[in-house]
């Protein structure tokens, strides 16, 4: 039986298989109409956008323009990624292993001004709130450390003294309750503490430059 009102869900997910599964799941419910891809002017405003991490954060930051709440479905479950998403204004954060019926019911909750947070994600939020937070500079040092950069590399990349780098590393070990740098890296990787933006732009660029310089020197 055709219902009078349908909610419009926009699927904006980079994983084509997951996107297809989401489309099929929502279309199996009469109260949902499904569209895919980025929104365009003059299109009907969606009641909810279901997206991957990067698209979800972008859409959440553009909520005033897009007019739709955002629910992320992602493999990202590190503390930094979760904080970035919630700070951007997403109203739902589920992991890709979430049962499809739960994703559909969560979308309904988000449409009705609620929140939908995966239990694993919620647990990590609580753990993050109870932990001693890292400063932006400590996060940058940690990103470089996980890339295998030396103290001199980190100092050059960040424009600070080597002694300052050592002070940041000492604070990192204290906050992470790590006895060594290696243990600090393992804890950071397990908790997902390196912000995505810093990891992509800062550490990768710096260490790629250093690796190239070492390669040139060896040749």
Protein backbone atom coordinates (compact mmCIF):
# COMPACT_ATOMS: atom_id res chain seq x y z
CA UNK A 1 0.00 0.00 0.00
CA UNK A 2 1.34 3.42 -0.98
CA UNK A 3 1.83 5.75 1.95
CA UNK A 4 1.08 9.48 1.81
CA UNK A 5 4.42 10.78 3.10
CA UNK A 6 7.91 9.64 2.26
CA UNK A 7 11.19 10.69 3.76
CA UNK A 8 13.94 11.44 1.27
CA UNK A 9 17.28 9.85 2.09
CA UNK A 10 20.35 10.84 0.09
CA UNK A 11 23.08 8.19 -0.13
CA UNK A 12 26.53 9.70 -0.58
CA UNK A 13 29.01 6.91 0.04
CA UNK A 14 32.35 6.21 -1.66
CA UNK A 15 32.06 2.43 -1.12
CA UNK A 16 30.01 1.35 -4.14
CA UNK A 17 29.01 -2.01 -2.65
CA UNK A 18 27.91 -0.47 0.62
CA UNK A 19 26.11 2.28 -1.26
CA UNK A 20 24.18 -0.31 -3.26
CA UNK A 21 23.28 -2.19 -0.08
CA UNK A 22 22.06 1.00 1.60
CA UNK A 23 19.97 1.92 -1.43
CA UNK A 24 18.33 -1.49 -1.49
CA UNK A 25 17.67 -1.43 2.25
CA UNK A 26 16.00 1.97 2.27
CA UNK A 27 14.00 1.28 -0.89
CA UNK A 28 12.57 -1.83 0.74
CA UNK A 29 10.72 0.48 3.15
CA UNK A 30 7.72 2.39 1.80
CA UNK A 31 8.38 5.41 3.98
CA UNK A 32 11.70 6.15 2.22
CA UNK A 33 12.51 7.59 -1.16
CA UNK A 34 16.18 7.25 -2.16
CA UNK A 35 18.46 9.47 -4.22
CA UNK A 36 22.22 9.13 -4.68
CA UNK A 37 25.19 11.41 -5.17
CA UNK A 38 25.95 14.98 -4.23
CA UNK A 39 22.99 17.38 -3.99
CA UNK A 40 22.40 19.99 -6.69
CA UNK A 41 20.53 23.31 -6.64
CA UNK A 42 16.77 23.13 -7.14
CA UNK A 43 16.62 19.52 -5.95
CA UNK A 44 14.33 18.53 -3.13
CA UNK A 45 16.09 18.83 0.22
CA UNK A 46 16.77 15.43 1.76
CA UNK A 47 15.43 14.53 5.19
CA UNK A 48 18.74 12.82 5.97
CA UNK A 49 22.09 12.31 4.26
CA UNK A 50 23.76 8.92 4.81
CA UNK A 51 27.42 9.24 3.91
CA UNK A 52 30.96 7.95 4.30
CA UNK A 53 33.30 9.77 6.68
CA UNK A 54 34.76 12.45 4.40
CA UNK A 55 31.49 13.26 2.62
CA UNK A 56 29.63 13.17 5.91
CA UNK A 57 31.90 15.70 7.58
CA UNK A 58 31.74 18.00 4.53
CA UNK A 59 27.93 17.81 4.44
CA UNK A 60 27.61 18.37 8.18
CA UNK A 61 29.75 21.50 7.95
CA UNK A 62 27.48 22.68 5.11
CA UNK A 63 24.25 21.88 7.00
CA UNK A 64 23.00 25.46 6.76
CA UNK A 65 23.25 25.27 2.97
CA UNK A 66 22.13 21.66 2.48
CA UNK A 67 19.39 21.73 5.10
CA UNK A 68 19.70 18.05 6.03
CA UNK A 69 21.07 16.22 9.07
CA UNK A 70 23.93 13.81 8.40
CA UNK A 71 24.50 10.24 9.50
CA UNK A 72 27.92 8.71 8.85
CA UNK A 73 28.41 5.00 8.16
CA UNK A 74 32.14 4.36 8.25
CA UNK A 75 34.96 1.99 9.12
CA UNK A 76 36.67 4.85 10.95
CA UNK A 77 36.48 4.22 14.69
CA UNK A 78 39.51 6.07 16.04
CA UNK A 79 38.96 8.67 18.74
CA UNK A 80 40.21 11.56 16.60
CA UNK A 81 37.97 10.65 13.67
CA UNK A 82 34.93 10.35 15.94
CA UNK A 83 35.64 13.72 17.56
CA UNK A 84 36.14 15.36 14.16
CA UNK A 85 32.80 14.01 12.93
CA UNK A 86 30.85 15.03 16.03
CA UNK A 87 32.49 18.46 16.10
CA UNK A 88 31.37 18.97 12.48
CA UNK A 89 27.76 18.44 13.57
CA UNK A 90 26.84 14.94 12.37
CA UNK A 91 23.82 13.50 14.17
CA UNK A 92 24.60 9.86 13.56
CA UNK A 93 27.79 7.78 13.55
CA UNK A 94 27.54 4.09 12.78
CA UNK A 95 30.17 1.54 11.81
CA UNK A 96 29.94 -0.39 8.56
CA UNK A 97 29.43 -3.64 10.48
CA UNK A 98 26.16 -2.28 11.92
CA UNK A 99 23.17 -4.47 10.87
CA UNK A 100 21.32 -2.90 7.97
CA UNK A 101 17.99 -2.77 9.84
CA UNK A 102 19.69 -0.78 12.60
CA UNK A 103 21.06 1.68 10.02
CA UNK A 104 17.53 2.21 8.67
CA UNK A 105 15.99 2.69 12.12
CA UNK A 106 18.87 5.02 13.05
CA UNK A 107 18.14 7.16 9.99
CA UNK A 108 14.55 7.50 11.19
CA UNK A 109 15.81 8.64 14.60
CA UNK A 110 18.07 11.25 13.02
CA UNK A 111 15.22 12.55 10.82
CA UNK A 112 13.11 12.99 13.94
CA UNK A 113 15.76 15.21 15.57
CA UNK A 114 17.43 12.39 17.47
CA UNK A 115 20.95 11.01 17.52
CA UNK A 116 22.24 7.60 16.46
CA UNK A 117 25.61 6.56 17.89
CA UNK A 118 27.09 3.07 17.57
CA UNK A 119 27.77 1.52 21.02
CA UNK A 120 31.47 1.08 20.15
CA UNK A 121 31.66 4.72 19.12
CA UNK A 122 29.87 5.80 22.31
CA UNK A 123 32.35 3.82 24.40
CA UNK A 124 35.27 5.54 22.68
CA UNK A 125 33.68 8.93 23.25
CA UNK A 126 33.50 8.20 26.98
CA UNK A 127 37.10 6.94 27.03
CA UNK A 128 38.23 10.06 25.19
CA UNK A 129 36.46 12.34 27.67
CA UNK A 130 38.15 10.58 30.57
CA UNK A 131 41.63 10.80 29.01
CA UNK A 132 44.09 13.70 29.21
CA UNK A 133 43.60 15.42 25.81
CA UNK A 134 46.51 16.05 23.47
CA UNK A 135 47.24 19.57 22.30
CA UNK A 136 47.32 20.37 18.57
CA UNK A 137 51.12 20.51 18.69
CA UNK A 138 51.31 17.18 20.52
CA UNK A 139 49.03 15.67 17.88
CA UNK A 140 51.34 16.99 15.14
CA UNK A 141 54.41 15.55 16.89
CA UNK A 142 52.61 12.24 17.34
CA UNK A 143 51.70 12.12 13.64
CA UNK A 144 55.33 12.68 12.69
CA UNK A 145 56.49 10.13 15.25
CA UNK A 146 54.22 7.45 13.80
CA UNK A 147 55.77 8.15 10.38
CA UNK A 148 59.23 7.33 11.76
CA UNK A 149 60.57 10.89 11.74
CA UNK A 150 63.59 11.74 13.90
CA UNK A 151 63.60 14.55 16.45
CA UNK A 152 65.48 16.74 13.96
CA UNK A 153 62.95 15.91 11.22
CA UNK A 154 60.08 16.87 13.53
CA UNK A 155 61.76 20.09 14.62
CA UNK A 156 62.42 21.09 10.99
CA UNK A 157 58.88 20.25 9.90
CA UNK A 158 57.20 22.10 12.77
CA UNK A 159 59.63 25.03 12.90
CA UNK A 160 60.58 24.47 16.54
CA UNK A 161 63.73 23.55 18.45
CA UNK A 162 64.77 19.93 18.96
CA UNK A 163 64.57 20.50 22.71
CA UNK A 164 60.93 21.57 22.32
CA UNK A 165 60.21 18.40 20.37
CA UNK A 166 61.69 16.34 23.22
CA UNK A 167 59.43 18.17 25.70
CA UNK A 168 56.37 17.37 23.58
CA UNK A 169 57.42 13.71 23.35
CA UNK A 170 57.79 13.56 27.12
CA UNK A 171 54.27 14.95 27.54
CA UNK A 172 52.95 12.46 24.98
CA UNK A 173 54.40 9.51 26.88
CA UNK A 174 52.93 10.84 30.12
CA UNK A 175 49.46 11.39 28.70
CA UNK A 176 49.41 8.03 26.90
CA UNK A 177 50.92 6.25 29.91
CA UNK A 178 53.65 4.89 27.65
CA UNK A 179 57.15 4.06 28.82
CA UNK A 180 58.77 4.33 25.41
CA UNK A 181 58.18 6.03 22.08
CA UNK A 182 57.35 2.69 20.48
CA UNK A 183 54.71 2.02 23.11
CA UNK A 184 53.30 5.53 22.56
CA UNK A 185 52.97 4.81 18.83
CA UNK A 186 51.21 1.50 19.47
CA UNK A 187 48.76 3.11 21.93
CA UNK A 188 48.07 5.98 19.53
CA UNK A 189 47.43 3.60 16.64
CA UNK A 190 45.14 1.41 18.75
CA UNK A 191 43.09 4.39 19.93
CA UNK A 192 43.17 6.23 16.60
CA UNK A 193 44.58 9.40 18.11
CA UNK A 194 46.26 10.95 15.07
CA UNK A 195 43.84 13.39 13.42
CA UNK A 196 43.21 12.53 9.77
CA UNK A 197 44.00 16.01 8.49
CA UNK A 198 47.32 16.18 10.34
CA UNK A 199 48.27 12.67 9.27
CA UNK A 200 47.47 13.37 5.61
CA UNK A 201 48.95 16.84 5.25
CA UNK A 202 51.56 17.26 7.94
CA UNK A 203 53.25 13.95 8.58
CA UNK A 204 53.03 12.54 5.09
CA UNK A 205 54.42 15.66 3.44
CA UNK A 206 57.21 16.10 5.98
CA UNK A 207 58.37 12.51 5.96
CA UNK A 208 58.08 12.19 2.19
CA UNK A 209 60.37 15.19 1.92
CA UNK A 210 62.81 13.71 4.41
CA UNK A 211 62.74 10.30 2.72
CA UNK A 212 63.47 11.93 -0.63
CA UNK A 213 66.34 13.89 0.87
CA UNK A 214 67.86 10.75 2.40
CA UNK A 215 67.47 8.86 -0.89
CA UNK A 216 69.21 11.70 -2.77
CA UNK A 217 72.03 11.72 -0.22
CA UNK A 218 72.53 7.94 -0.50
CA UNK A 219 72.71 8.17 -4.28
